[in-house]
PDB file of N, CA and C in Angstrom:
ATOM      1  N   MET A   1       4.765  22.006  -1.869  1.00  0.00           N
ATOM      2  CA  MET A   1       5.225  20.436  -2.135  1.00  0.00           C
ATOM      3  C   MET A   1       4.376  19.889  -3.162  1.00  0.00           C
ATOM      4  N   GLY A   2       5.387  19.726  -4.187  1.00  0.00           N
ATOM      5  CA  GLY A   2       4.770  19.005  -5.506  1.00  0.00           C
ATOM      6  C   GLY A   2       3.962  17.519  -5.137  1.00  0.00           C
ATOM      7  N   SER A   3       4.231  16.908  -4.353  1.00  0.00           N
ATOM      8  CA  SER A   3       3.718  15.348  -4.215  1.00  0.00           C
ATOM      9  C   SER A   3       2.288  15.352  -2.929  1.00  0.00           C
ATOM     10  N   ARG A   4       1.914  16.724  -2.325  1.00  0.00           N
ATOM     11  CA  ARG A   4       1.000  16.698  -1.611  1.00  0.00           C
ATOM     12  C   ARG A   4      -0.209  15.720  -1.748  1.00  0.00           C
ATOM     13  N   GLU A   5      -0.618  15.847  -2.442  1.00  0.00           N
ATOM     14  CA  GLU A   5      -1.852  15.148  -2.875  1.00  0.00           C
ATOM     15  C   GLU A   5      -1.577  13.599  -2.506  1.00  0.00           C
ATOM     16  N   ARG A   6      -0.780  13.167  -3.315  1.00  0.00           N
ATOM     17  CA  ARG A   6      -0.601  11.614  -3.280  1.00  0.00           C
ATOM     18  C   ARG A   6      -0.211  11.446  -1.660  1.00  0.00           C
ATOM     19  N   LEU A   7       0.908  12.200  -0.968  1.00  0.00           N
ATOM     20  CA  LEU A   7       1.255  11.957   0.402  1.00  0.00           C
ATOM     21  C   LEU A   7       0.284  12.161   1.228  1.00  0.00           C
ATOM     22  N   TRP A   8      -0.917  13.446   1.126  1.00  0.00           N
ATOM     23  CA  TRP A   8      -2.119  13.269   2.021  1.00  0.00           C
ATOM     24  C   TRP A   8      -2.802  12.086   1.969  1.00  0.00           C
ATOM     25  N   ALA A   9      -2.948  11.409   0.482  1.00  0.00           N
ATOM     26  CA  ALA A   9      -3.649  10.119   0.398  1.00  0.00           C
ATOM     27  C   ALA A   9      -3.350   8.934   1.411  1.00  0.00           C
ATOM     28  N   LYS A  10      -1.838   8.986   1.800  1.00  0.00           N
ATOM     29  CA  LYS A  10      -1.191   7.988   2.424  1.00  0.00           C
ATOM     30  C   LYS A  10      -1.075   8.468   3.932  1.00  0.00           C
ATOM     31  N   TYR A  11      -0.634   9.801   4.281  1.00  0.00           N
ATOM     32  CA  TYR A  11      -0.472   9.875   5.578  1.00  0.00           C
ATOM     33  C   TYR A  11      -1.601  10.796   6.303  1.00  0.00           C
ATOM     34  N   GLY A  12      -2.107  11.403   5.343  1.00  0.00           N
ATOM     35  CA  GLY A  12      -3.511  12.655   6.190  1.00  0.00           C
ATOM     36  C   GLY A  12      -4.168  11.840   7.085  1.00  0.00           C
ATOM     37  N   ASP A  13      -4.889  10.819   6.904  1.00  0.00           N
ATOM     38  CA  ASP A  13      -5.696  10.334   8.117  1.00  0.00           C
ATOM     39  C   ASP A  13      -4.923   9.971   9.133  1.00  0.00           C
ATOM     40  N   ALA A  14      -3.839   9.574   9.195  1.00  0.00           N
ATOM     41  CA  ALA A  14      -2.864   9.079  10.380  1.00  0.00           C
ATOM     42  C   ALA A  14      -1.869  10.284  10.936  1.00  0.00           C
ATOM     43  N   TRP A  15      -1.569  10.699  10.161  1.00  0.00           N
ATOM     44  CA  TRP A  15      -0.568  12.041  10.725  1.00  0.00           C
ATOM     45  C   TRP A  15      -1.034  13.206  10.387  1.00  0.00           C
ATOM     46  N   GLY A  16      -1.981  13.389   9.583  1.00  0.00           N
ATOM     47  CA  GLY A  16      -2.406  15.060   9.220  1.00  0.00           C
ATOM     48  C   GLY A  16      -1.219  15.601   8.552  1.00  0.00           C
ATOM     49  N   TRP A  17      -0.517  15.049   7.871  1.00  0.00           N
ATOM     50  CA  TRP A  17       0.505  15.507   6.752  1.00  0.00           C
ATOM     51  C   TRP A  17       0.427  15.086   5.497  1.00  0.00           C
ATOM     52  N   PRO A  18       0.873  15.651   4.812  1.00  0.00           N
ATOM     53  CA  PRO A  18       1.320  17.325   4.748  1.00  0.00           C
ATOM     54  C   PRO A  18       0.291  18.036   4.759  1.00  0.00           C
ATOM     55  N   ALA A  19       0.391  19.218   5.559  1.00  0.00           N
ATOM     56  CA  ALA A  19      -0.577  20.185   5.678  1.00  0.00           C
ATOM     57  C   ALA A  19      -0.987  21.019   4.084  1.00  0.00           C
ATOM     58  N   GLU A  20      -2.109  21.302   4.019  1.00  0.00           N
ATOM     59  CA  GLU A  20      -2.355  21.805   2.654  1.00  0.00           C
ATOM     60  C   GLU A  20      -1.335  23.166   2.490  1.00  0.00           C
ATOM     61  N   THR A  21      -1.127  23.790   3.064  1.00  0.00           N
ATOM     62  CA  THR A  21      -0.008  24.954   3.181  1.00  0.00           C
ATOM     63  C   THR A  21       0.854  24.653   4.169  1.00  0.00           C
ATOM     64  N   MET A  22       2.115  24.785   3.938  1.00  0.00           N
ATOM     65  CA  MET A  22       3.154  24.746   4.910  1.00  0.00           C
ATOM     66  C   MET A  22       4.328  25.863   4.818  1.00  0.00           C
ATOM     67  N   THR A  23       4.382  26.771   5.848  1.00  0.00           N
ATOM     68  CA  THR A  23       5.605  28.001   5.757  1.00  0.00           C
ATOM     69  C   THR A  23       6.668  27.240   5.966  1.00  0.00           C
ATOM     70  N   PHE A  24       7.566  27.942   5.711  1.00  0.00           N
ATOM     71  CA  PHE A  24       9.118  27.551   6.012  1.00  0.00           C
ATOM     72  C   PHE A  24       9.364  27.296   7.474  1.00  0.00           C
ATOM     73  N   GLU A  25       8.687  28.023   8.530  1.00  0.00           N
ATOM     74  CA  GLU A  25       8.923  28.034   9.735  1.00  0.00           C
ATOM     75  C   GLU A  25       8.406  26.699  10.429  1.00  0.00           C
ATOM     76  N   ALA A  26       6.937  26.454   9.614  1.00  0.00           N
ATOM     77  CA  ALA A  26       6.433  25.082   9.969  1.00  0.00           C
ATOM     78  C   ALA A  26       6.801  23.954   9.908  1.00  0.00           C
ATOM     79  N   ASP A  27       7.639  24.057   8.461  1.00  0.00           N
ATOM     80  CA  ASP A  27       8.759  23.110   8.134  1.00  0.00           C
ATOM     81  C   ASP A  27       9.736  22.876   8.946  1.00  0.00           C
ATOM     82  N   ARG A  28      10.373  23.855   9.182  1.00  0.00           N
ATOM     83  CA  ARG A  28      11.678  23.974  10.307  1.00  0.00           C
ATOM     84  C   ARG A  28      11.084  22.987  11.582  1.00  0.00           C
ATOM     85  N   GLU A  29      10.223  23.645  12.093  1.00  0.00           N
ATOM     86  CA  GLU A  29       9.612  22.817  13.159  1.00  0.00           C
ATOM     87  C   GLU A  29       9.376  21.462  13.299  1.00  0.00           C
ATOM     88  N   ASP A  30       8.634  21.327  12.258  1.00  0.00           N
ATOM     89  CA  ASP A  30       8.678  19.757  12.212  1.00  0.00           C
ATOM     90  C   ASP A  30       9.906  19.088  11.970  1.00  0.00           C
ATOM     91  N   LEU A  31      10.922  19.507  11.170  1.00  0.00           N
ATOM     92  CA  LEU A  31      12.261  18.722  11.171  1.00  0.00           C
ATOM     93  C   LEU A  31      12.850  18.915  12.476  1.00  0.00           C
ATOM     94  N   GLU A  32      12.623  20.110  13.322  1.00  0.00           N
ATOM     95  CA  GLU A  32      13.487  20.075  14.455  1.00  0.00           C
ATOM     96  C   GLU A  32      12.890  18.961  15.540  1.00  0.00           C
ATOM     97  N   ARG A  33      11.455  18.737  15.280  1.00  0.00           N
ATOM     98  CA  ARG A  33      10.769  17.660  16.443  1.00  0.00           C
ATOM     99  C   ARG A  33      11.525  16.205  15.759  1.00  0.00           C
ATOM    100  N   HIS A  34      11.471  16.227  14.478  1.00  0.00           N
ATOM    101  CA  HIS A  34      12.142  14.682  14.009  1.00  0.00           C
ATOM    102  C   HIS A  34      13.598  14.697  14.557  1.00  0.00           C
ATOM    103  N   ALA A  35      14.050  15.758  14.668  1.00  0.00           N
ATOM    104  CA  ALA A  35      15.611  15.601  15.182  1.00  0.00           C
ATOM    105  C   ALA A  35      15.421  15.341  16.592  1.00  0.00           C
ATOM    106  N   GLU A  36      14.758  15.778  17.290  1.00  0.00           N
ATOM    107  CA  GLU A  36      14.705  15.609  18.925  1.00  0.00           C
ATOM    108  C   GLU A  36      14.263  14.059  19.081  1.00  0.00           C
ATOM    109  N   GLU A  37      13.300  13.468  18.124  1.00  0.00           N
ATOM    110  CA  GLU A  37      13.016  12.118  18.163  1.00  0.00           C
ATOM    111  C   GLU A  37      14.187  11.125  18.086  1.00  0.00           C
ATOM    112  N   ILE A  38      15.074  11.766  17.090  1.00  0.00           N
ATOM    113  CA  ILE A  38      15.961  10.790  16.611  1.00  0.00           C
ATOM    114  C   ILE A  38      16.881  11.123  17.539  1.00  0.00           C
ATOM    115  N   GLU A  39      17.502  12.139  17.979  1.00  0.00           N
ATOM    116  CA  GLU A  39      18.115  12.274  19.212  1.00  0.00           C
ATOM    117  C   GLU A  39      17.715  11.124  20.192  1.00  0.00           C
ATOM    118  N   ARG A  40      16.575  11.248  20.511  1.00  0.00           N
ATOM    119  CA  ARG A  40      16.341  10.303  21.867  1.00  0.00           C
ATOM    120  C   ARG A  40      16.309   8.575  21.441  1.00  0.00           C
ATOM    121  N   HIS A  41      16.491   8.664  20.107  1.00  0.00           N
ATOM    122  CA  HIS A  41      16.166   7.352  19.510  1.00  0.00           C
ATOM    123  C   HIS A  41      14.824   6.589  19.620  1.00  0.00           C
ATOM    124  N   GLU A  42      13.901   7.563  19.551  1.00  0.00           N
ATOM    125  CA  GLU A  42      12.473   7.173  19.553  1.00  0.00           C
ATOM    126  C   GLU A  42      12.042   6.857  18.162  1.00  0.00           C
ATOM    127  N   THR A  43      12.653   7.557  17.235  1.00  0.00           N
ATOM    128  CA  THR A  43      11.969   7.280  15.858  1.00  0.00           C
ATOM    129  C   THR A  43      13.262   7.511  14.945  1.00  0.00           C
ATOM    130  N   PHE A  44      13.460   7.239  13.821  1.00  0.00           N
ATOM    131  CA  PHE A  44      14.576   7.108  12.779  1.00  0.00           C
ATOM    132  C   PHE A  44      14.029   7.458  11.342  1.00  0.00           C
ATOM    133  N   ASN A  45      14.486   8.621  10.658  1.00  0.00           N
ATOM    134  CA  ASN A  45      13.868   9.146   9.202  1.00  0.00           C
ATOM    135  C   ASN A  45      14.985   9.199   8.767  1.00  0.00           C
ATOM    136  N   TYR A  46      15.229   9.101   7.338  1.00  0.00           N
ATOM    137  CA  TYR A  46      16.080   8.847   6.719  1.00  0.00           C
ATOM    138  C   TYR A  46      15.512   9.647   5.325  1.00  0.00           C
ATOM    139  N   ALA A  47      16.611  10.483   4.896  1.00  0.00           N
ATOM    140  CA  ALA A  47      15.970  11.218   3.603  1.00  0.00           C
ATOM    141  C   ALA A  47      16.541  10.636   2.433  1.00  0.00           C
ATOM    142  N   LEU A  48      16.003  10.476   1.384  1.00  0.00           N
ATOM    143  CA  LEU A  48      16.520  10.166   0.191  1.00  0.00           C
ATOM    144  C   LEU A  48      16.993  11.387  -0.787  1.00  0.00           C
ATOM    145  N   LEU A  49      18.138  11.528  -0.822  1.00  0.00           N
ATOM    146  CA  LEU A  49      18.655  12.740  -1.880  1.00  0.00           C
ATOM    147  C   LEU A  49      19.137  12.120  -2.988  1.00  0.00           C
ATOM    148  N   ASP A  50      19.086  13.001  -4.226  1.00  0.00           N
ATOM    149  CA  ASP A  50      20.143  12.962  -5.148  1.00  0.00           C
ATOM    150  C   ASP A  50      21.467  12.771  -5.030  1.00  0.00           C
ATOM    151  N   GLU A  51      22.198  12.480  -6.145  1.00  0.00           N
ATOM    152  CA  GLU A  51      23.430  12.212  -6.058  1.00  0.00           C
ATOM    153  C   GLU A  51      24.171  13.189  -5.539  1.00  0.00           C
ATOM    154  N   GLY A  52      23.829  14.586  -6.007  1.00  0.00           N
ATOM    155  CA  GLY A  52      24.377  15.861  -5.466  1.00  0.00           C
ATOM    156  C   GLY A  52      23.896  16.196  -4.240  1.00  0.00           C
ATOM    157  N   GLU A  53      23.318  15.631  -3.668  1.00  0.00           N
ATOM    158  CA  GLU A  53      22.507  15.942  -2.463  1.00  0.00           C
ATOM    159  C   GLU A  53      22.079  17.240  -2.250  1.00  0.00           C
ATOM    160  N   THR A  54      21.247  17.307  -3.692  1.00  0.00           N
ATOM    161  CA  THR A  54      20.411  18.878  -3.613  1.00  0.00           C
ATOM    162  C   THR A  54      19.111  19.016  -3.909  1.00  0.00           C
ATOM    163  N   GLU A  55      18.361  17.517  -3.772  1.00  0.00           N
ATOM    164  CA  GLU A  55      17.241  17.665  -4.244  1.00  0.00           C
ATOM    165  C   GLU A  55      16.877  16.383  -3.115  1.00  0.00           C
ATOM    166  N   LEU A  56      15.692  16.494  -2.446  1.00  0.00           N
ATOM    167  CA  LEU A  56      15.029  15.572  -1.627  1.00  0.00           C
ATOM    168  C   LEU A  56      14.162  14.702  -2.589  1.00  0.00           C
ATOM    169  N   LEU A  57      14.433  13.296  -2.505  1.00  0.00           N
ATOM    170  CA  LEU A  57      13.627  12.361  -3.661  1.00  0.00           C
ATOM    171  C   LEU A  57      12.616  11.671  -2.738  1.00  0.00           C
ATOM    172  N   GLY A  58      12.769  11.568  -1.515  1.00  0.00           N
ATOM    173  CA  GLY A  58      11.677  11.112  -0.533  1.00  0.00           C
ATOM    174  C   GLY A  58      12.289  10.720   0.652  1.00  0.00           C
ATOM    175  N   CYS A  59      11.547   9.979   1.642  1.00  0.00           N
ATOM    176  CA  CYS A  59      11.800   9.546   2.903  1.00  0.00           C
ATOM    177  C   CYS A  59      11.535   8.285   3.389  1.00  0.00           C
ATOM    178  N   VAL A  60      12.347   7.803   4.450  1.00  0.00           N
ATOM    179  CA  VAL A  60      12.156   6.465   5.103  1.00  0.00           C
ATOM    180  C   VAL A  60      11.467   6.555   6.344  1.00  0.00           C
ATOM    181  N   TYR A  61      10.598   6.104   7.174  1.00  0.00           N
ATOM    182  CA  TYR A  61      10.673   6.388   8.466  1.00  0.00           C
ATOM    183  C   TYR A  61      10.399   4.815   9.191  1.00  0.00           C
ATOM    184  N   ILE A  62      10.984   5.009  10.346  1.00  0.00           N
ATOM    185  CA  ILE A  62      10.812   3.813  11.178  1.00  0.00           C
ATOM    186  C   ILE A  62      10.449   4.432  12.403  1.00  0.00           C
ATOM    187  N   ASP A  63       9.389   4.016  12.935  1.00  0.00           N
ATOM    188  CA  ASP A  63       8.575   4.158  14.280  1.00  0.00           C
ATOM    189  C   ASP A  63       8.588   3.200  15.019  1.00  0.00           C
ATOM    190  N   PRO A  64       8.288   3.291  16.772  1.00  0.00           N
ATOM    191  CA  PRO A  64       7.809   2.304  17.439  1.00  0.00           C
ATOM    192  C   PRO A  64       6.533   2.056  17.038  1.00  0.00           C
ATOM    193  N   PRO A  65       6.089   0.728  17.451  1.00  0.00           N
ATOM    194  CA  PRO A  65       4.789   0.575  17.438  1.00  0.00           C
ATOM    195  C   PRO A  65       3.835   1.077  18.480  1.00  0.00           C
ATOM    196  N   ASP A  66       2.581   1.342  17.970  1.00  0.00           N
ATOM    197  CA  ASP A  66       1.427   1.903  19.101  1.00  0.00           C
ATOM    198  C   ASP A  66       0.494   1.224  19.068  1.00  0.00           C
ATOM    199  N   ASP A  67      -0.802   1.933  19.447  1.00  0.00           N
ATOM    200  CA  ASP A  67      -1.869   1.314  19.372  1.00  0.00           C
ATOM    201  C   ASP A  67      -2.887   1.039  18.154  1.00  0.00           C
ATOM    202  N   ARG A  68      -2.241   1.824  17.277  1.00  0.00           N
ATOM    203  CA  ARG A  68      -2.808   1.601  15.929  1.00  0.00           C
ATOM    204  C   ARG A  68      -2.165   0.565  15.127  1.00  0.00           C
ATOM    205  N   SER A  69      -0.990   0.015  15.652  1.00  0.00           N
ATOM    206  CA  SER A  69       0.066  -0.839  14.511  1.00  0.00           C
ATOM    207  C   SER A  69      -0.580  -2.212  14.582  1.00  0.00           C
ATOM    208  N   ALA A  70       0.078  -3.125  13.710  1.00  0.00           N
ATOM    209  CA  ALA A  70      -0.395  -4.536  13.798  1.00  0.00           C
ATOM    210  C   ALA A  70       0.152  -5.389  15.123  1.00  0.00           C
ATOM    211  N   ALA A  71      -0.604  -6.153  15.219  1.00  0.00           N
ATOM    212  CA  ALA A  71      -0.371  -7.126  16.725  1.00  0.00           C
ATOM    213  C   ALA A  71       1.115  -7.367  16.610  1.00  0.00           C
ATOM    214  N   GLU A  72       1.888  -7.424  17.412  1.00  0.00           N
ATOM    215  CA  GLU A  72       3.225  -7.939  17.615  1.00  0.00           C
ATOM    216  C   GLU A  72       4.159  -7.233  16.601  1.00  0.00           C
ATOM    217  N   ALA A  73       4.035  -6.160  16.325  1.00  0.00           N
ATOM    218  CA  ALA A  73       4.841  -5.597  15.469  1.00  0.00           C
ATOM    219  C   ALA A  73       6.177  -5.108  15.943  1.00  0.00           C
ATOM    220  N   ASP A  74       7.277  -5.294  15.539  1.00  0.00           N
ATOM    221  CA  ASP A  74       8.572  -4.618  16.026  1.00  0.00           C
ATOM    222  C   ASP A  74       8.674  -3.280  15.951  1.00  0.00           C
ATOM    223  N   ALA A  75       7.938  -2.744  14.757  1.00  0.00           N
ATOM    224  CA  ALA A  75       8.302  -1.335  14.531  1.00  0.00           C
ATOM    225  C   ALA A  75       7.222  -1.324  13.338  1.00  0.00           C
ATOM    226  N   VAL A  76       7.164   0.289  12.845  1.00  0.00           N
ATOM    227  CA  VAL A  76       6.000   0.916  12.155  1.00  0.00           C
ATOM    228  C   VAL A  76       7.119   1.257  10.863  1.00  0.00           C
ATOM    229  N   CYS A  77       7.021   1.014   9.658  1.00  0.00           N
ATOM    230  CA  CYS A  77       7.835   1.782   8.767  1.00  0.00           C
ATOM    231  C   CYS A  77       7.011   2.034   7.536  1.00  0.00           C
ATOM    232  N   SER A  78       7.113   3.295   6.844  1.00  0.00           N
ATOM    233  CA  SER A  78       6.953   3.501   5.455  1.00  0.00           C
ATOM    234  C   SER A  78       7.937   4.443   5.077  1.00  0.00           C
ATOM    235  N   TRP A  79       7.479   4.746   3.537  1.00  0.00           N
ATOM    236  CA  TRP A  79       8.409   5.443   2.777  1.00  0.00           C
ATOM    237  C   TRP A  79       7.479   6.307   1.825  1.00  0.00           C
ATOM    238  N   TRP A  80       8.314   7.025   1.347  1.00  0.00           N
ATOM    239  CA  TRP A  80       7.586   7.660  -0.023  1.00  0.00           C
ATOM    240  C   TRP A  80       8.760   8.491  -0.799  1.00  0.00           C
ATOM    241  N   VAL A  81       8.112   8.850  -2.110  1.00  0.00           N
ATOM    242  CA  VAL A  81       9.097   9.284  -3.199  1.00  0.00           C
ATOM    243  C   VAL A  81       8.293  10.387  -3.586  1.00  0.00           C
ATOM    244  N   ILE A  82       9.173  11.344  -4.262  1.00  0.00           N
ATOM    245  CA  ILE A  82       8.420  12.498  -4.965  1.00  0.00           C
ATOM    246  C   ILE A  82       7.418  11.663  -6.060  1.00  0.00           C
ATOM    247  N   ASP A  83       6.357  12.587  -6.676  1.00  0.00           N
ATOM    248  CA  ASP A  83       5.744  12.134  -7.820  1.00  0.00           C
ATOM    249  C   ASP A  83       6.439  11.635  -8.743  1.00  0.00           C
ATOM    250  N   ARG A  84       7.408  12.505  -9.297  1.00  0.00           N
ATOM    251  CA  ARG A  84       8.146  11.779 -10.819  1.00  0.00           C
ATOM    252  C   ARG A  84       8.734  10.307 -10.518  1.00  0.00           C
ATOM    253  N   GLU A  85       8.869  10.252  -9.137  1.00  0.00           N
ATOM    254  CA  GLU A  85       9.796   8.642  -9.080  1.00  0.00           C
ATOM    255  C   GLU A  85       8.712   7.710  -8.612  1.00  0.00           C
ATOM    256  N   ALA A  86       7.352   8.093  -8.276  1.00  0.00           N
ATOM    257  CA  ALA A  86       6.409   7.157  -7.955  1.00  0.00           C
ATOM    258  C   ALA A  86       6.215   6.101  -9.178  1.00  0.00           C
ATOM    259  N   VAL A  87       6.248   5.001  -8.616  1.00  0.00           N
ATOM    260  CA  VAL A  87       5.867   3.726  -9.569  1.00  0.00           C
ATOM    261  C   VAL A  87       7.364   3.878 -10.516  1.00  0.00           C
ATOM    262  N   GLY A  88       8.151   4.145 -10.139  1.00  0.00           N
ATOM    263  CA  GLY A  88       9.228   3.938 -11.188  1.00  0.00           C
ATOM    264  C   GLY A  88      10.505   3.245 -10.243  1.00  0.00           C
ATOM    265  N   GLU A  89      11.955   3.355 -10.917  1.00  0.00           N
ATOM    266  CA  GLU A  89      12.828   2.615 -10.557  1.00  0.00           C
ATOM    267  C   GLU A  89      13.306   2.704  -8.893  1.00  0.00           C
ATOM    268  N   LEU A  90      13.256   4.107  -8.445  1.00  0.00           N
ATOM    269  CA  LEU A  90      13.492   4.601  -6.994  1.00  0.00           C
ATOM    270  C   LEU A  90      12.482   3.661  -6.227  1.00  0.00           C
ATOM    271  N   GLU A  91      11.183   4.054  -6.668  1.00  0.00           N
ATOM    272  CA  GLU A  91      10.258   3.398  -5.623  1.00  0.00           C
ATOM    273  C   GLU A  91      10.406   1.876  -5.496  1.00  0.00           C
ATOM    274  N   ARG A  92      10.449   1.292  -6.529  1.00  0.00           N
ATOM    275  CA  ARG A  92      10.687  -0.372  -6.764  1.00  0.00           C
ATOM    276  C   ARG A  92      12.009  -0.806  -5.977  1.00  0.00           C
ATOM    277  N   ALA A  93      12.779   0.054  -5.958  1.00  0.00           N
ATOM    278  CA  ALA A  93      14.248  -0.256  -5.136  1.00  0.00           C
ATOM    279  C   ALA A  93      13.671  -0.187  -3.854  1.00  0.00           C
ATOM    280  N   LEU A  94      13.144   0.727  -3.291  1.00  0.00           N
ATOM    281  CA  LEU A  94      12.732   0.948  -1.951  1.00  0.00           C
ATOM    282  C   LEU A  94      11.844  -0.185  -1.702  1.00  0.00           C
ATOM    283  N   ASP A  95      10.943  -0.464  -2.376  1.00  0.00           N
ATOM    284  CA  ASP A  95      10.059  -1.531  -1.902  1.00  0.00           C
ATOM    285  C   ASP A  95      10.915  -2.794  -1.759  1.00  0.00           C
ATOM    286  N   GLY A  96      11.881  -2.970  -2.561  1.00  0.00           N
ATOM    287  CA  GLY A  96      12.503  -4.640  -2.409  1.00  0.00           C
ATOM    288  C   GLY A  96      13.662  -4.584  -1.035  1.00  0.00           C
ATOM    289  N   PHE A  97      14.367  -2.865  -1.159  1.00  0.00           N
ATOM    290  CA  PHE A  97      15.536  -2.802  -0.068  1.00  0.00           C
ATOM    291  C   PHE A  97      14.974  -2.714   1.246  1.00  0.00           C
ATOM    292  N   VAL A  98      14.078  -2.007   1.680  1.00  0.00           N
ATOM    293  CA  VAL A  98      13.409  -1.578   3.076  1.00  0.00           C
ATOM    294  C   VAL A  98      13.048  -2.783   3.623  1.00  0.00           C
ATOM    295  N   PRO A  99      12.125  -3.726   3.128  1.00  0.00           N
ATOM    296  CA  PRO A  99      11.924  -4.738   4.065  1.00  0.00           C
ATOM    297  C   PRO A  99      13.113  -5.828   4.640  1.00  0.00           C
ATOM    298  N   ARG A 100      14.032  -5.832   3.352  1.00  0.00           N
ATOM    299  CA  ARG A 100      15.218  -6.802   3.485  1.00  0.00           C
ATOM    300  C   ARG A 100      16.184  -5.977   4.708  1.00  0.00           C
ATOM    301  N   TRP A 101      16.251  -4.762   4.640  1.00  0.00           N
ATOM    302  CA  TRP A 101      17.249  -4.029   5.481  1.00  0.00           C
ATOM    303  C   TRP A 101      16.715  -4.044   6.800  1.00  0.00           C
ATOM    304  N   LEU A 102      15.507  -3.700   7.195  1.00  0.00           N
ATOM    305  CA  LEU A 102      14.798  -4.200   8.371  1.00  0.00           C
ATOM    306  C   LEU A 102      14.959  -5.309   8.836  1.00  0.00           C
ATOM    307  N   GLU A 103      15.092  -6.385   8.432  1.00  0.00           N
ATOM    308  CA  GLU A 103      15.076  -7.711   8.896  1.00  0.00           C
ATOM    309  C   GLU A 103      16.842  -7.954   9.214  1.00  0.00           C
ATOM    310  N   GLN A 104      17.508  -7.694   7.824  1.00  0.00           N
ATOM    311  CA  GLN A 104      18.916  -8.086   7.979  1.00  0.00           C
ATOM    312  C   GLN A 104      19.813  -7.167   8.899  1.00  0.00           C
ATOM    313  N   ARG A 105      19.477  -5.914   8.933  1.00  0.00           N
ATOM    314  CA  ARG A 105      20.247  -4.788   9.736  1.00  0.00           C
ATOM    315  C   ARG A 105      19.762  -4.563  10.986  1.00  0.00           C
ATOM    316  N   TRP A 106      18.628  -4.383  10.955  1.00  0.00           N
ATOM    317  CA  TRP A 106      17.871  -4.204  12.145  1.00  0.00           C
ATOM    318  C   TRP A 106      17.284  -4.806  13.165  1.00  0.00           C
ATOM    319  N   GLY A 107      17.121  -6.151  12.390  1.00  0.00           N
ATOM    320  CA  GLY A 107      16.771  -7.438  13.425  1.00  0.00           C
ATOM    321  C   GLY A 107      15.213  -7.603  13.741  1.00  0.00           C
ATOM    322  N   PHE A 108      14.686  -6.830  12.766  1.00  0.00           N
ATOM    323  CA  PHE A 108      13.027  -6.761  13.183  1.00  0.00           C
ATOM    324  C   PHE A 108      12.557  -8.137  12.533  1.00  0.00           C
ATOM    325  N   ARG A 109      11.523  -8.750  13.271  1.00  0.00           N
ATOM    326  CA  ARG A 109      10.916  -9.731  12.583  1.00  0.00           C
ATOM    327  C   ARG A 109       9.271  -9.761  12.059  1.00  0.00           C
ATOM    328  N   SER A 110       8.978  -8.573  12.523  1.00  0.00           N
ATOM    329  CA  SER A 110       7.438  -8.096  12.361  1.00  0.00           C
ATOM    330  C   SER A 110       7.296  -6.749  12.087  1.00  0.00           C
ATOM    331  N   VAL A 111       7.085  -5.977  10.966  1.00  0.00           N
ATOM    332  CA  VAL A 111       7.000  -4.893  10.729  1.00  0.00           C
ATOM    333  C   VAL A 111       5.740  -4.341  10.106  1.00  0.00           C
ATOM    334  N   ASP A 112       5.256  -3.620  10.550  1.00  0.00           N
ATOM    335  CA  ASP A 112       3.753  -2.969  10.286  1.00  0.00           C
ATOM    336  C   ASP A 112       4.264  -1.888   9.168  1.00  0.00           C
ATOM    337  N   TYR A 113       3.915  -2.033   7.907  1.00  0.00           N
ATOM    338  CA  TYR A 113       4.231  -1.196   7.059  1.00  0.00           C
ATOM    339  C   TYR A 113       3.201  -0.149   6.398  1.00  0.00           C
ATOM    340  N   SER A 114       2.878   0.603   7.602  1.00  0.00           N
ATOM    341  CA  SER A 114       1.577   1.633   7.273  1.00  0.00           C
ATOM    342  C   SER A 114       2.299   2.805   8.134  1.00  0.00           C
ATOM    343  N   PRO A 115       1.622   3.740   7.688  1.00  0.00           N
ATOM    344  CA  PRO A 115       1.397   4.881   8.810  1.00  0.00           C
ATOM    345  C   PRO A 115       0.187   4.585   9.513  1.00  0.00           C
TER     346      PRO A 115
END
């Protein structure tokens, strides 16, 4: 994973992710867990792909609040992009889009933007 160090700085303490090394099987198990959570409508995860849908550019996570969340949060949301997109056009677009999308389409009034 080329963006591991930056992603660990953001998610490591909260999620223990991404692991220093991740096997194909461990990644598959992680994705299967996410799929089960999505199926149960517990969490929602969106992959950001290139136009040809051949490369993962980042992800958006929407989770229910928990005891670590800001008081009165409707949801917890975070997103990331790969290193080459960090501090670039894609990341800036997400920074503007995601909060509007969560308010206008999801109806959330208070979102905790942290892992």
